[in-house]
Structure formats: C-alpha cells, structure tokens
Amino acid sequence: MAERPSNDQRNTATFAALTMVLLVVFGLVGLVAFVIPDVLLFVLVPVGLGILMVLHYLFWGRWLAATLREQEDADETFTTPTSESDHSE
C-alpha cells in the first residue's frame, strides 16, 4: 500500500490548487470585463468586502484571542491554591 503524503506535501498541493483556481477565476472575470465593463464593479465590491473581513479578523480577532488567552492565564495563576508549606517560612 502506498504511503500517505506528509502534511507539508498535502498543504503545498492544496495551496497550488487554490492558486490555480483563483488565477482561472480572475482570468474569466477579466475576459467578461472586456465584454461587459460593469461586471467589474459587481466583482470588486464583494472582493473588497471580503478583504475587509479578512483584515478585521487578522487585526482585531487575533488581538482579542491573544488578550483573552492572557486573561485566562492570569486568572488561572491568581486562583491557583498555594500549600501551607509556602507560608510557614
């Protein structure tokens, strides 16, 4: 039985396939835009909104996740019970 490809190989193949699909889609939209110039507006608006969503996630969402993780760690260290041997000295 053939070995399963490693995660790096699978990720590389997935990235390559996604890149090719995006190139084909952009090419087709470009060809349609030559025939019907107003189509470009209908494509750019959703793409712009998608880019805003991605930027929102990258900047605000990751910051919030890191802040919550730090707060959770701080709460765990604050509520960790100490033994009496620590206080005897």
Protein backbone atom coordinates (compact mmCIF):
# COMPACT_ATOMS: atom_id res chain seq x y z
CA MET A 1 0.00 0.00 0.00
CA ALA A 2 1.32 3.42 -0.89
CA GLU A 3 2.31 5.78 1.91
CA ARG A 4 0.13 8.79 2.59
CA PRO A 5 1.76 12.12 1.65
CA SER A 6 3.05 14.23 4.52
CA ASN A 7 1.11 17.23 5.78
CA ASP A 8 3.60 19.59 4.12
CA GLN A 9 3.10 17.90 0.76
CA ARG A 10 -0.68 17.99 1.14
CA ASN A 11 -0.63 21.65 2.19
CA THR A 12 1.58 22.53 -0.77
CA ALA A 13 -0.74 20.71 -3.17
CA THR A 14 -3.78 22.42 -1.68
CA PHE A 15 -2.13 25.84 -1.96
CA ALA A 16 -1.15 25.15 -5.58
CA ALA A 17 -4.70 24.05 -6.47
CA LEU A 18 -6.22 27.09 -4.78
CA THR A 19 -3.80 29.39 -6.59
CA MET A 20 -4.68 27.85 -9.95
CA VAL A 21 -8.42 28.15 -9.29
CA LEU A 22 -8.04 31.81 -8.33
CA LEU A 23 -5.97 32.51 -11.45
CA VAL A 24 -8.63 30.90 -13.66
CA VAL A 25 -11.42 32.83 -11.93
CA PHE A 26 -9.56 36.14 -12.26
CA GLY A 27 -8.85 35.37 -15.91
CA LEU A 28 -12.50 34.65 -16.64
CA VAL A 29 -13.64 37.78 -14.80
CA GLY A 30 -11.09 39.78 -16.81
CA LEU A 31 -12.42 38.40 -20.08
CA VAL A 32 -16.02 39.11 -19.09
CA ALA A 33 -14.99 42.65 -18.02
CA PHE A 34 -13.78 43.31 -21.58
CA VAL A 35 -17.22 42.44 -22.93
CA ILE A 36 -19.33 43.93 -20.12
CA PRO A 37 -17.30 46.59 -18.25
CA ASP A 38 -19.93 46.99 -15.49
CA VAL A 39 -19.32 43.40 -14.36
CA LEU A 40 -16.06 44.51 -12.79
CA LEU A 41 -17.99 46.65 -10.29
CA PHE A 42 -20.11 43.65 -9.27
CA VAL A 43 -16.93 41.67 -8.64
CA LEU A 44 -14.84 44.35 -6.92
CA VAL A 45 -17.44 45.21 -4.27
CA PRO A 46 -17.73 41.67 -2.81
CA VAL A 47 -13.96 41.18 -3.11
CA GLY A 48 -13.41 44.44 -1.24
CA LEU A 49 -15.84 43.37 1.48
CA GLY A 50 -14.07 40.02 1.73
CA ILE A 51 -10.71 41.75 2.11
CA LEU A 52 -12.16 43.95 4.87
CA MET A 53 -13.44 40.85 6.67
CA VAL A 54 -10.04 39.15 6.44
CA LEU A 55 -8.25 42.27 7.71
CA HIS A 56 -10.78 42.59 10.54
CA TYR A 57 -10.08 39.00 11.57
CA LEU A 58 -6.32 39.38 11.32
CA PHE A 59 -6.04 42.60 13.29
CA TRP A 60 -8.94 42.59 15.74
CA GLY A 61 -9.81 38.90 16.05
CA ARG A 62 -6.28 37.70 16.72
CA TRP A 63 -5.67 40.57 19.15
CA LEU A 64 -8.86 39.66 21.03
CA ALA A 65 -7.95 35.96 21.11
CA ALA A 66 -4.48 36.73 22.48
CA THR A 67 -5.91 39.12 25.08
CA LEU A 68 -8.47 36.56 26.25
CA ARG A 69 -5.77 33.87 26.41
CA GLU A 70 -3.57 36.14 28.56
CA GLN A 71 -6.50 36.99 30.80
CA GLU A 72 -7.36 33.31 31.22
CA ASP A 73 -3.74 32.50 32.12
CA ALA A 74 -3.71 35.36 34.63
CA ASP A 75 -6.96 34.12 36.18
CA GLU A 76 -5.56 30.60 36.49
CA THR A 77 -2.41 31.79 38.26
CA PHE A 78 -4.48 34.04 40.54
CA THR A 79 -6.85 31.25 41.59
CA THR A 80 -4.21 28.53 41.99
CA PRO A 81 -4.27 27.41 45.63
CA THR A 82 -0.98 27.54 47.50
CA SER A 83 0.08 24.96 50.03
CA GLU A 84 0.64 25.85 53.70
CA SER A 85 4.32 24.94 53.44
CA ASP A 86 4.80 28.05 51.27
CA HIS A 87 3.51 30.26 54.11
CA SER A 88 5.34 28.61 57.00
CA GLU A 89 8.62 30.43 56.44
